[in-house]
């Protein structure tokens, strides 16, 4: 009889459970350790209490500290681009610094002496047009590029709106060359600083203080607040009058010319040349073939006369044309003096030319009475600043040359397209003479009293102009070896930016042409610069010397 099997004791059950639990808990870890190549981590089993199920808890694997990762090195191409970008940024910063320094210097120079800066810009503009005229396509086919002296002389004459030429304009220059000359007359007539301010106004929609100061010094504006209005009047009035003159001339040239393009080109060129007092004609014989044609002469007279008044006068007329039935009563003193003197000089020249050339067989003699009066009026208007001529200047009498010299020396209105010492300078001097003859203490005109510094300025401008004429005539006499009357006529024509010539200019040597260039440049900018420099220099002295009157006269 078999002996009954004893029930396993509690200790044996615990031992079997421990062995089975150890196998179940360590085998996966051993497999993972074998796969990863590391030794398994073993720990003694923890035996739970009698009321808890039997389980084995293992400690967790300690985490390894992570090392900081270094960024990968950029490729060589990206490093080169970065270095190149840094060099570009440094160069841009340096350029901005230089530009800022130059701008600050220009502003300082403009505030200290706007007239000097205007003259400097004027020189650069002349140089630019000279280079354009030296290009091969500026002359007609078959001709090489213009020589330096001819290009320089033409550029100075066009920018200074004079009209003297060393070559035949219609035969020598191509359509491109004529377009360059026309643009030079437009820029020179409006004024360099005025054109610069207009460009700035179109780009930035405003005019800076420096541009206002430069434009005011060039256009003789009394208040900076008027510069913006003056710019609008300049561009509107000049363009409108040029278009009007062109439209008045176009029908007549359409009849005279065979090609429509030639008629339009001639009308546009003469419209710009007339208003800006350029005196340059794109045709071969100039205005001589149209001496008896009022449809051509009258529009030219209108354009030259209005252009010679000056932009301040035009601005004053435009701003007061709506004030009542008699707007001329609201004109300022400058406008009334300018218009009065211009009308008096035109009338005096008309009477003088009509009387002196009435019987001259080479000028007015063969004409009828109406044509004689028309040509006398034309000559009187053109001799002050226009530069057009319907008769040969060399065929006029010496008395007519003397009258022409006087009118060329006076010139047109201030801040206008004419040259000379200006009509208001002559008016102030005549008023001062009248006041001295009457024994008046003050110089008065049209209900206004003229300040003493204005009288001193007028005397200075006249004396500087006379000195320039004297020195220029002495130099030209030594260079040209021509009679005094011929040389004096050419010098006055250059200084007054008129453009009339006795025929001596094309035959001058290079030195003589350079002297005339200097006279044209000084005539266009010299008196303006001198007057502005005197007006802006106000020396205040603490000590005043005792007064003593010298004997004068």
Protein backbone atom coordinates (compact mmCIF):
# COMPACT_ATOMS: atom_id res chain seq x y z
CA UNK A 1 0.00 0.00 0.00
CA UNK A 2 1.43 3.18 -1.15
CA UNK A 3 2.33 5.79 1.29
CA UNK A 4 0.36 9.05 0.72
CA UNK A 5 2.32 12.06 -0.89
CA UNK A 6 3.16 14.75 1.52
CA UNK A 7 2.06 18.26 0.73
CA UNK A 8 4.96 20.48 0.00
CA UNK A 9 5.93 22.68 2.76
CA UNK A 10 5.76 26.44 2.65
CA UNK A 11 9.52 26.78 2.35
CA UNK A 12 9.70 24.58 -0.70
CA UNK A 13 6.89 26.50 -2.41
CA UNK A 14 8.71 29.75 -1.79
CA UNK A 15 11.94 28.35 -3.19
CA UNK A 16 10.28 27.10 -6.38
CA UNK A 17 8.52 30.44 -6.86
CA UNK A 18 11.74 32.26 -6.39
CA UNK A 19 13.57 30.16 -8.95
CA UNK A 20 10.80 30.47 -11.53
CA UNK A 21 10.52 34.24 -10.96
CA UNK A 22 14.24 34.66 -11.27
CA UNK A 23 14.25 32.83 -14.57
CA UNK A 24 11.34 34.83 -15.90
CA UNK A 25 12.91 38.18 -14.82
CA UNK A 26 16.47 37.60 -15.92
CA UNK A 27 16.17 35.85 -19.24
CA UNK A 28 14.92 38.85 -21.27
CA UNK A 29 17.54 41.03 -19.66
CA UNK A 30 20.22 38.48 -20.46
CA UNK A 31 19.06 38.28 -24.05
CA UNK A 32 19.14 42.04 -24.34
CA UNK A 33 22.56 42.13 -22.70
CA UNK A 34 23.84 39.51 -25.08
CA UNK A 35 22.49 41.40 -28.05
CA UNK A 36 23.96 44.70 -26.89
CA UNK A 37 27.26 43.19 -25.74
CA UNK A 38 26.94 44.19 -22.07
CA UNK A 39 26.66 42.11 -18.92
CA UNK A 40 23.26 41.82 -17.21
CA UNK A 41 22.75 43.61 -13.98
CA UNK A 42 21.57 41.24 -11.20
CA UNK A 43 20.27 42.12 -7.81
CA UNK A 44 19.00 40.06 -4.88
CA UNK A 45 15.30 39.37 -4.94
CA UNK A 46 13.02 40.97 -2.47
CA UNK A 47 10.50 38.67 -0.85
CA UNK A 48 7.15 40.18 -0.18
CA UNK A 49 5.05 39.57 2.81
CA UNK A 50 2.56 36.68 3.24
CA UNK A 51 -0.39 38.79 2.13
CA UNK A 52 1.26 40.15 -1.02
CA UNK A 53 1.75 38.26 -4.22
CA UNK A 54 5.23 37.08 -4.90
CA UNK A 55 7.21 39.39 -7.30
CA UNK A 56 10.74 40.54 -7.83
CA UNK A 57 11.48 44.34 -8.32
CA UNK A 58 14.71 45.32 -10.12
CA UNK A 59 16.40 48.74 -9.88
CA UNK A 60 16.24 50.92 -13.03
CA UNK A 61 19.26 51.37 -15.27
CA UNK A 62 21.09 54.63 -14.46
CA UNK A 63 20.93 57.27 -17.28
CA UNK A 64 24.22 58.40 -18.79
CA UNK A 65 24.92 62.18 -18.92
CA UNK A 66 24.59 63.71 -22.46
CA UNK A 67 27.52 65.69 -23.84
CA UNK A 68 26.86 69.00 -25.73
CA UNK A 69 27.00 68.54 -29.49
CA UNK A 70 29.14 70.97 -31.59
CA UNK A 71 27.51 72.55 -34.70
CA UNK A 72 28.86 71.21 -37.93
CA UNK A 73 31.38 73.38 -39.72
CA UNK A 74 29.84 75.32 -42.61
CA UNK A 75 31.18 74.46 -46.00
CA UNK A 76 33.89 76.62 -47.46
CA UNK A 77 31.55 78.22 -50.01
CA UNK A 78 29.12 79.52 -47.34
CA UNK A 79 32.00 80.92 -45.29
CA UNK A 80 33.29 82.76 -48.36
CA UNK A 81 29.84 84.22 -49.01
CA UNK A 82 29.58 85.34 -45.40
CA UNK A 83 32.97 87.03 -45.55
CA UNK A 84 32.11 88.70 -48.84
CA UNK A 85 28.83 89.94 -47.38
CA UNK A 86 30.67 91.41 -44.39
CA UNK A 87 33.09 93.21 -46.70
CA UNK A 88 30.17 94.60 -48.69
CA UNK A 89 28.48 95.84 -45.52
CA UNK A 90 31.68 97.54 -44.39
CA UNK A 91 32.08 99.14 -47.81
CA UNK A 92 28.45 100.36 -47.80
CA UNK A 93 28.87 101.81 -44.32
CA UNK A 94 32.05 103.58 -45.40
CA UNK A 95 30.33 104.91 -48.52
CA UNK A 96 27.36 106.15 -46.48
CA UNK A 97 29.77 107.89 -44.15
CA UNK A 98 31.56 109.58 -47.02
CA UNK A 99 28.26 110.58 -48.62
CA UNK A 100 27.06 112.05 -45.34
CA UNK A 101 30.28 114.01 -44.96
CA UNK A 102 30.03 115.33 -48.52
CA UNK A 103 26.39 116.24 -47.99
CA UNK A 104 27.22 118.11 -44.81
CA UNK A 105 30.04 119.96 -46.56
CA UNK A 106 27.74 120.88 -49.45
CA UNK A 107 25.07 122.14 -47.04
CA UNK A 108 27.65 124.17 -45.13
CA UNK A 109 29.05 125.59 -48.36
CA UNK A 110 25.57 126.38 -49.66
CA UNK A 111 24.58 128.19 -46.47
CA UNK A 112 27.84 130.10 -46.34
CA UNK A 113 28.01 131.08 -50.04
CA UNK A 114 25.17 129.83 -52.26
CA UNK A 115 26.43 131.83 -55.24
CA UNK A 116 29.82 130.09 -55.22
CA UNK A 117 28.19 126.68 -55.16
CA UNK A 118 25.95 127.72 -58.05
CA UNK A 119 29.00 128.75 -60.10
CA UNK A 120 30.68 125.41 -59.36
CA UNK A 121 27.63 123.48 -60.50
CA UNK A 122 27.48 125.72 -63.57
CA UNK A 123 31.02 124.68 -64.49
CA UNK A 124 30.20 120.99 -64.20
CA UNK A 125 27.10 121.42 -66.36
CA UNK A 126 29.14 123.14 -69.08
CA UNK A 127 31.67 120.30 -68.95
CA UNK A 128 28.89 117.73 -69.36
CA UNK A 129 27.41 119.41 -72.43
CA UNK A 130 30.90 119.80 -73.89
CA UNK A 131 31.44 116.05 -73.70
CA UNK A 132 28.06 115.41 -75.33
CA UNK A 133 28.91 117.72 -78.23
CA UNK A 134 32.27 115.99 -78.73
CA UNK A 135 30.63 112.66 -79.52
CA UNK A 136 30.90 111.57 -83.19
CA UNK A 137 27.14 111.48 -83.72
CA UNK A 138 26.74 115.15 -82.65
CA UNK A 139 27.95 116.31 -86.08
CA UNK A 140 26.64 115.58 -89.56
CA UNK A 141 27.55 112.44 -91.46
CA UNK A 142 30.99 112.64 -93.00
CA UNK A 143 32.35 114.87 -90.26
CA UNK A 144 34.41 113.67 -87.36
CA UNK A 145 33.57 114.61 -83.83
CA UNK A 146 33.75 118.29 -82.98
CA UNK A 147 37.02 119.66 -81.71
CA UNK A 148 37.34 120.48 -78.05
CA UNK A 149 37.40 124.25 -78.54
CA UNK A 150 34.32 124.25 -80.83
CA UNK A 151 32.40 121.95 -78.50
CA UNK A 152 33.39 123.99 -75.44
CA UNK A 153 32.55 127.32 -77.10
CA UNK A 154 29.14 126.05 -78.26
CA UNK A 155 28.35 124.54 -74.85
CA UNK A 156 29.28 127.74 -73.01
CA UNK A 157 27.31 129.84 -75.49
CA UNK A 158 24.23 127.61 -75.12
CA UNK A 159 24.33 127.24 -71.32
CA UNK A 160 25.01 130.97 -70.90
CA UNK A 161 22.23 131.65 -73.47
CA UNK A 162 24.50 133.91 -75.51
CA UNK A 163 24.30 132.83 -79.15
CA UNK A 164 27.88 133.33 -80.33
CA UNK A 165 29.10 130.42 -82.46
CA UNK A 166 32.36 129.38 -84.09
CA UNK A 167 30.73 127.11 -86.69
CA UNK A 168 27.59 127.22 -88.83
CA UNK A 169 24.96 125.72 -86.55
CA UNK A 170 22.65 124.49 -89.30
CA UNK A 171 25.38 122.84 -91.39
CA UNK A 172 27.78 121.56 -88.75
CA UNK A 173 25.62 119.97 -86.05
CA UNK A 174 23.45 116.90 -86.53
CA UNK A 175 19.90 116.57 -85.15
CA UNK A 176 21.38 115.01 -82.01
CA UNK A 177 23.80 117.92 -81.66
CA UNK A 178 20.95 120.40 -82.11
CA UNK A 179 18.95 118.56 -79.43
CA UNK A 180 21.91 118.84 -77.03
CA UNK A 181 22.22 122.57 -77.77
CA UNK A 182 18.49 123.02 -77.24
CA UNK A 183 18.66 121.24 -73.87
CA UNK A 184 21.64 123.38 -72.86
CA UNK A 185 19.71 126.56 -73.65
CA UNK A 186 16.75 125.30 -71.64
CA UNK A 187 18.88 124.49 -68.61
CA UNK A 188 20.88 127.70 -68.87
CA UNK A 189 17.80 129.87 -69.32
CA UNK A 190 15.95 128.49 -66.31
CA UNK A 191 19.08 128.43 -64.16
CA UNK A 192 21.14 125.52 -62.88
CA UNK A 193 19.88 125.69 -59.31
CA UNK A 194 16.29 126.16 -60.47
CA UNK A 195 16.49 123.02 -62.60
CA UNK A 196 18.10 121.10 -59.71
CA UNK A 197 15.31 122.22 -57.37
CA UNK A 198 12.69 121.19 -59.91
CA UNK A 199 14.24 117.73 -60.21
CA UNK A 200 14.35 117.42 -56.43
CA UNK A 201 10.72 118.51 -56.22
CA UNK A 202 9.67 115.87 -58.74
CA UNK A 203 11.63 113.10 -57.00
CA UNK A 204 11.06 113.81 -53.30
CA UNK A 205 7.89 115.93 -53.54
CA UNK A 206 9.55 118.64 -51.50
CA UNK A 207 12.30 121.24 -51.70
CA UNK A 208 14.92 121.22 -48.96
CA UNK A 209 16.30 124.27 -47.22
CA UNK A 210 19.60 124.10 -49.08
CA UNK A 211 17.87 123.93 -52.45
CA UNK A 212 15.66 126.84 -51.43
CA UNK A 213 18.68 128.93 -50.50
CA UNK A 214 20.46 128.14 -53.77
CA UNK A 215 17.37 128.83 -55.85
CA UNK A 216 16.68 132.05 -53.95
CA UNK A 217 20.24 133.26 -54.58
CA UNK A 218 19.93 132.52 -58.28
CA UNK A 219 16.40 133.84 -58.83
CA UNK A 220 16.72 136.83 -56.45
CA UNK A 221 13.76 135.72 -54.36
CA UNK A 222 13.41 137.84 -51.23
CA UNK A 223 11.75 135.20 -49.02
CA UNK A 224 12.41 131.47 -48.91
CA UNK A 225 8.68 130.84 -48.68
CA UNK A 226 8.28 132.14 -52.24
CA UNK A 227 10.70 129.58 -53.71
CA UNK A 228 8.08 126.86 -54.08
CA UNK A 229 5.65 129.21 -55.82
CA UNK A 230 8.47 130.54 -57.98
CA UNK A 231 9.39 127.03 -59.09
CA UNK A 232 5.83 126.32 -60.16
CA UNK A 233 5.60 129.63 -62.00
CA UNK A 234 8.96 129.04 -63.69
CA UNK A 235 8.08 125.63 -65.08
CA UNK A 236 4.51 126.54 -66.04
CA UNK A 237 5.25 129.96 -67.52
CA UNK A 238 8.37 128.94 -69.41
CA UNK A 239 6.81 125.82 -70.88
CA UNK A 240 3.57 127.59 -71.76
CA UNK A 241 5.31 130.50 -73.48
CA UNK A 242 7.63 128.19 -75.38
CA UNK A 243 4.67 126.16 -76.58
CA UNK A 244 2.80 129.33 -77.57
CA UNK A 245 5.77 130.61 -79.58
CA UNK A 246 6.18 127.22 -81.21
CA UNK A 247 2.50 127.09 -82.18
CA UNK A 248 2.69 130.62 -83.59
CA UNK A 249 5.72 129.75 -85.70
CA UNK A 250 4.66 126.29 -86.81
CA UNK A 251 2.02 127.24 -89.45
CA UNK A 252 4.44 129.58 -91.17
CA UNK A 253 7.26 127.04 -91.21
CA UNK A 254 4.88 124.37 -92.50
CA UNK A 255 4.34 126.61 -95.52
CA UNK A 256 8.02 127.44 -95.96
CA UNK A 257 9.53 123.98 -95.34
CA UNK A 258 9.00 120.96 -97.53
CA UNK A 259 9.13 118.41 -94.71
CA UNK A 260 6.84 118.45 -91.69
CA UNK A 261 9.61 117.16 -89.41
CA UNK A 262 11.90 120.05 -90.32
CA UNK A 263 9.12 122.57 -89.69
CA UNK A 264 8.33 121.10 -86.26
CA UNK A 265 12.00 120.90 -85.28
CA UNK A 266 12.71 124.49 -86.32
CA UNK A 267 9.62 125.76 -84.48
CA UNK A 268 10.52 123.95 -81.26
CA UNK A 269 14.15 125.08 -81.41
CA UNK A 270 13.25 128.73 -82.05
CA UNK A 271 10.56 128.67 -79.34
CA UNK A 272 13.07 127.55 -76.71
CA UNK A 273 15.81 129.83 -78.06
CA UNK A 274 13.52 132.87 -78.10
CA UNK A 275 12.12 132.60 -74.57
CA UNK A 276 15.51 131.75 -73.07
CA UNK A 277 17.21 134.51 -75.09
CA UNK A 278 19.57 131.91 -76.58
CA UNK A 279 20.08 133.60 -79.93
CA UNK A 280 21.03 130.34 -81.69
CA UNK A 281 19.21 129.46 -84.92
CA UNK A 282 19.16 125.92 -86.38
CA UNK A 283 19.01 127.11 -90.00
CA UNK A 284 21.91 127.92 -92.31
CA UNK A 285 21.29 131.65 -92.83
CA UNK A 286 19.66 132.38 -89.48
CA UNK A 287 16.79 134.90 -89.46
CA UNK A 288 18.05 136.87 -92.47
CA UNK A 289 15.65 135.22 -94.98
CA UNK A 290 12.64 136.20 -92.81
CA UNK A 291 13.39 139.92 -92.48
CA UNK A 292 10.08 140.88 -94.09
CA UNK A 293 7.94 138.17 -92.48
CA UNK A 294 5.96 139.47 -89.47
CA UNK A 295 4.54 135.99 -88.77
CA UNK A 296 8.02 134.93 -87.70
CA UNK A 297 9.45 138.16 -86.28
CA UNK A 298 6.55 139.07 -83.98
CA UNK A 299 6.48 135.73 -82.06
CA UNK A 300 10.25 136.00 -81.60
CA UNK A 301 9.87 139.55 -80.28
CA UNK A 302 7.22 138.39 -77.80
CA UNK A 303 9.28 135.47 -76.54
CA UNK A 304 12.50 137.45 -76.10
CA UNK A 305 10.81 140.39 -74.36
CA UNK A 306 8.89 138.24 -71.86
CA UNK A 307 11.91 136.04 -71.17
CA UNK A 308 14.13 139.04 -70.50
CA UNK A 309 11.82 140.41 -67.76
CA UNK A 310 12.94 137.84 -65.22
CA UNK A 311 11.08 135.18 -63.26
CA UNK A 312 10.39 137.36 -60.18
CA UNK A 313 8.48 139.78 -62.39
CA UNK A 314 6.53 136.94 -64.01
CA UNK A 315 5.71 135.55 -60.57
CA UNK A 316 4.49 138.94 -59.35
CA UNK A 317 2.33 139.45 -62.45
CA UNK A 318 0.79 135.98 -62.18
CA UNK A 319 0.07 136.36 -58.46
CA UNK A 320 -1.68 139.74 -58.86
CA UNK A 321 -3.60 139.29 -62.11
CA UNK A 322 -6.87 138.60 -60.22
CA UNK A 323 -6.74 141.62 -57.92
CA UNK A 324 -9.33 144.03 -59.29
CA UNK A 325 -9.60 145.73 -62.65
CA UNK A 326 -6.15 147.33 -62.42
CA UNK A 327 -3.78 144.57 -61.31
CA UNK A 328 -0.68 146.63 -62.18
CA UNK A 329 -1.40 148.82 -59.17
CA UNK A 330 -0.56 145.82 -56.97
CA UNK A 331 2.82 145.12 -58.57
CA UNK A 332 5.85 145.52 -56.36
CA UNK A 333 8.54 148.13 -56.99
CA UNK A 334 10.89 145.71 -58.72
CA UNK A 335 8.28 144.67 -61.28
CA UNK A 336 7.25 148.25 -62.03
CA UNK A 337 10.85 149.42 -62.41
CA UNK A 338 11.76 146.46 -64.64
CA UNK A 339 8.80 146.80 -66.98
CA UNK A 340 9.11 150.59 -67.16
CA UNK A 341 12.82 150.51 -67.98
CA UNK A 342 12.39 147.71 -70.51
CA UNK A 343 9.69 149.64 -72.37
CA UNK A 344 11.77 152.84 -72.31
CA UNK A 345 14.86 151.06 -73.64
CA UNK A 346 12.86 149.33 -76.37
CA UNK A 347 11.34 152.63 -77.46
CA UNK A 348 14.70 154.44 -77.38
CA UNK A 349 16.37 151.69 -79.39
CA UNK A 350 13.50 151.61 -81.88
CA UNK A 351 13.81 155.34 -82.55
CA UNK A 352 17.61 155.20 -82.75
CA UNK A 353 17.79 152.27 -85.17
CA UNK A 354 15.00 153.63 -87.31
CA UNK A 355 16.76 156.99 -87.65
CA UNK A 356 20.30 155.66 -88.09
CA UNK A 357 19.54 152.86 -90.56
CA UNK A 358 16.71 154.46 -92.54
CA UNK A 359 18.83 155.26 -95.55
CA UNK A 360 21.44 152.51 -95.21
CA UNK A 361 21.33 150.59 -98.48
CA UNK A 362 22.81 147.47 -96.83
CA UNK A 363 20.23 147.23 -94.04
CA UNK A 364 16.87 149.10 -93.91
CA UNK A 365 17.21 151.16 -97.08
CA UNK A 366 15.50 148.84 -99.61
CA UNK A 367 12.62 147.99 -97.27
CA UNK A 368 9.22 149.57 -97.14
CA UNK A 369 8.11 151.81 -94.28
CA UNK A 370 6.25 149.04 -92.46
CA UNK A 371 9.15 146.62 -92.77
CA UNK A 372 11.61 149.29 -91.63
CA UNK A 373 9.59 149.88 -88.47
CA UNK A 374 9.22 146.14 -87.86
CA UNK A 375 12.97 145.53 -88.24
CA UNK A 376 13.82 148.55 -86.07
CA UNK A 377 11.59 147.16 -83.32
CA UNK A 378 13.11 143.71 -83.80
CA UNK A 379 16.66 145.09 -83.55
CA UNK A 380 15.82 147.13 -80.45
CA UNK A 381 14.46 144.10 -78.59
CA UNK A 382 17.18 141.70 -79.71
CA UNK A 383 20.18 143.90 -78.92
CA UNK A 384 19.53 143.78 -75.15
CA UNK A 385 19.67 140.01 -74.84
CA UNK A 386 17.93 138.19 -77.70
CA UNK A 387 20.75 137.83 -80.20
CA UNK A 388 18.66 137.37 -83.37
CA UNK A 389 19.31 139.66 -86.31
CA UNK A 390 17.49 140.32 -89.58
CA UNK A 391 20.35 142.36 -91.08
CA UNK A 392 24.11 141.93 -91.30
CA UNK A 393 25.69 143.48 -88.19
CA UNK A 394 28.86 144.26 -90.11
CA UNK A 395 26.86 146.39 -92.56
CA UNK A 396 25.37 148.67 -89.89
CA UNK A 397 26.72 152.14 -89.25
CA UNK A 398 29.14 152.87 -86.42
CA UNK A 399 26.48 154.95 -84.71
CA UNK A 400 24.20 151.91 -84.65
CA UNK A 401 27.05 149.91 -83.18
CA UNK A 402 27.36 152.46 -80.38
CA UNK A 403 23.64 152.22 -79.59
CA UNK A 404 23.89 148.44 -79.69
CA UNK A 405 26.84 148.49 -77.31
CA UNK A 406 24.91 150.56 -74.79
CA UNK A 407 21.87 148.29 -74.95
CA UNK A 408 24.00 145.14 -74.66
CA UNK A 409 25.77 146.53 -71.59
CA UNK A 410 22.44 147.16 -69.83
CA UNK A 411 20.89 143.80 -70.69
CA UNK A 412 17.61 142.46 -69.35
CA UNK A 413 15.85 142.03 -66.03
CA UNK A 414 17.29 140.54 -62.86
CA UNK A 415 17.04 136.75 -62.43
CA UNK A 416 15.99 136.47 -66.05
CA UNK A 417 17.50 134.95 -69.16
CA UNK A 418 19.27 138.16 -70.21
CA UNK A 419 22.76 139.36 -69.34
CA UNK A 420 24.40 142.73 -68.72
CA UNK A 421 24.23 144.78 -65.56
CA UNK A 422 20.37 144.54 -65.58
CA UNK A 423 17.79 147.23 -66.14
CA UNK A 424 17.01 147.67 -62.44
CA UNK A 425 20.67 148.53 -61.79
CA UNK A 426 20.42 151.31 -64.37
CA UNK A 427 17.10 152.47 -62.90
CA UNK A 428 18.53 152.72 -59.37
CA UNK A 429 21.55 154.67 -60.61
CA UNK A 430 19.37 157.11 -62.56
CA UNK A 431 17.12 157.60 -59.54
CA UNK A 432 20.15 158.26 -57.35
CA UNK A 433 21.42 160.86 -59.84
CA UNK A 434 18.01 162.54 -59.86
CA UNK A 435 17.86 162.59 -56.05
CA UNK A 436 21.36 164.09 -55.88
CA UNK A 437 20.49 166.71 -58.47
CA UNK A 438 17.38 167.67 -56.53
CA UNK A 439 19.14 167.68 -53.18
CA UNK A 440 16.94 164.96 -51.72
CA UNK A 441 18.25 162.96 -48.79
CA UNK A 442 16.40 159.80 -49.86
CA UNK A 443 16.16 158.03 -53.23
CA UNK A 444 12.46 157.58 -53.94
CA UNK A 445 10.55 155.93 -56.76
CA UNK A 446 6.82 155.30 -57.23
CA UNK A 447 5.95 156.02 -53.63
CA UNK A 448 8.75 153.90 -52.18
CA UNK A 449 12.14 154.71 -50.65
CA UNK A 450 15.14 152.74 -51.93
CA UNK A 451 17.62 151.65 -49.21
CA UNK A 452 21.17 152.94 -49.33
CA UNK A 453 22.68 149.46 -49.44
CA UNK A 454 20.77 148.82 -52.69
CA UNK A 455 22.29 151.96 -54.19
CA UNK A 456 25.78 150.86 -53.15
CA UNK A 457 25.11 147.43 -54.64
CA UNK A 458 24.05 148.97 -57.95
CA UNK A 459 27.20 151.09 -58.09
CA UNK A 460 29.35 148.04 -57.35
CA UNK A 461 27.67 145.92 -60.04
CA UNK A 462 28.08 148.64 -62.66
CA UNK A 463 31.74 149.22 -61.81
CA UNK A 464 32.55 145.50 -61.86
CA UNK A 465 30.84 145.15 -65.23
CA UNK A 466 32.74 148.10 -66.67
CA UNK A 467 36.01 146.72 -65.33
CA UNK A 468 35.37 143.32 -66.91
CA UNK A 469 34.64 144.99 -70.26
CA UNK A 470 37.82 147.06 -70.03
CA UNK A 471 40.08 144.12 -69.18
CA UNK A 472 38.46 141.85 -71.75
CA UNK A 473 38.82 144.46 -74.49
CA UNK A 474 42.52 144.99 -73.71
CA UNK A 475 43.20 141.24 -73.89
CA UNK A 476 41.22 140.75 -77.09
CA UNK A 477 42.98 143.68 -78.78
CA UNK A 478 46.29 141.92 -78.25
CA UNK A 479 44.99 138.55 -79.45
CA UNK A 480 42.73 139.44 -82.37
CA UNK A 481 44.69 142.39 -83.81
CA UNK A 482 41.43 144.00 -84.97
CA UNK A 483 40.08 147.58 -84.70
CA UNK A 484 38.77 148.78 -81.36
CA UNK A 485 35.15 149.11 -82.42
CA UNK A 486 35.00 145.51 -83.70
CA UNK A 487 36.70 144.06 -80.62
CA UNK A 488 34.58 146.11 -78.21
CA UNK A 489 31.42 144.93 -79.96
CA UNK A 490 32.36 141.25 -79.60
CA UNK A 491 33.38 141.68 -75.96
CA UNK A 492 30.13 143.44 -75.05
CA UNK A 493 28.13 140.82 -76.93
CA UNK A 494 29.82 138.06 -74.94
CA UNK A 495 29.53 139.80 -71.57
CA UNK A 496 25.91 140.79 -72.17
CA UNK A 497 25.09 137.24 -73.37
CA UNK A 498 23.56 138.73 -76.51
CA UNK A 499 25.17 136.78 -79.33
CA UNK A 500 25.38 139.43 -82.05
CA UNK A 501 28.64 139.34 -83.99
CA UNK A 502 30.42 141.35 -86.64
CA UNK A 503 31.89 138.13 -88.05
CA UNK A 504 35.10 138.14 -86.02
CA UNK A 505 34.34 135.23 -83.68
CA UNK A 506 34.74 132.27 -86.11
CA UNK A 507 38.13 133.59 -87.27
CA UNK A 508 39.58 134.03 -83.79
CA UNK A 509 42.50 131.87 -82.60
CA UNK A 510 42.01 129.43 -79.76
CA UNK A 511 43.15 131.94 -77.15
CA UNK A 512 40.59 134.49 -78.34
CA UNK A 513 37.78 131.90 -78.22
CA UNK A 514 38.75 130.97 -74.67
CA UNK A 515 38.66 134.63 -73.63
CA UNK A 516 35.15 134.98 -75.08
CA UNK A 517 34.12 131.81 -73.21
CA UNK A 518 35.30 133.37 -69.96
CA UNK A 519 33.45 136.59 -70.75
CA UNK A 520 30.23 134.71 -71.50
CA UNK A 521 30.55 132.71 -68.28
CA UNK A 522 31.30 135.79 -66.17
CA UNK A 523 28.53 137.74 -67.87
CA UNK A 524 26.00 135.04 -67.02
CA UNK A 525 27.18 134.34 -63.47
CA UNK A 526 29.73 136.97 -62.46
CA UNK A 527 27.49 139.93 -61.64
CA UNK A 528 24.97 137.59 -60.01
CA UNK A 529 27.68 136.05 -57.87
CA UNK A 530 29.18 139.38 -56.97
CA UNK A 531 25.82 140.90 -56.07
CA UNK A 532 24.83 137.89 -53.95
CA UNK A 533 28.18 137.87 -52.19
CA UNK A 534 27.87 141.56 -51.32
CA UNK A 535 24.28 141.21 -50.21
CA UNK A 536 25.04 138.29 -47.88
CA UNK A 537 28.13 139.78 -46.30
CA UNK A 538 27.08 141.96 -43.39
CA UNK A 539 30.06 143.11 -41.34
CA UNK A 540 29.13 144.53 -37.97
CA UNK A 541 31.84 146.62 -36.41
CA UNK A 542 31.83 147.91 -32.87
CA UNK A 543 34.07 150.89 -33.64
CA UNK A 544 33.07 153.52 -36.20
CA UNK A 545 35.62 156.01 -37.45
CA UNK A 546 34.95 159.75 -37.54
CA UNK A 547 33.18 160.97 -40.66
CA UNK A 548 34.95 163.24 -43.14
CA UNK A 549 33.63 164.30 -46.53
CA UNK A 550 36.13 164.24 -49.45
CA UNK A 551 35.76 166.52 -52.47
CA UNK A 552 33.93 164.70 -55.28
CA UNK A 553 33.59 166.10 -58.79
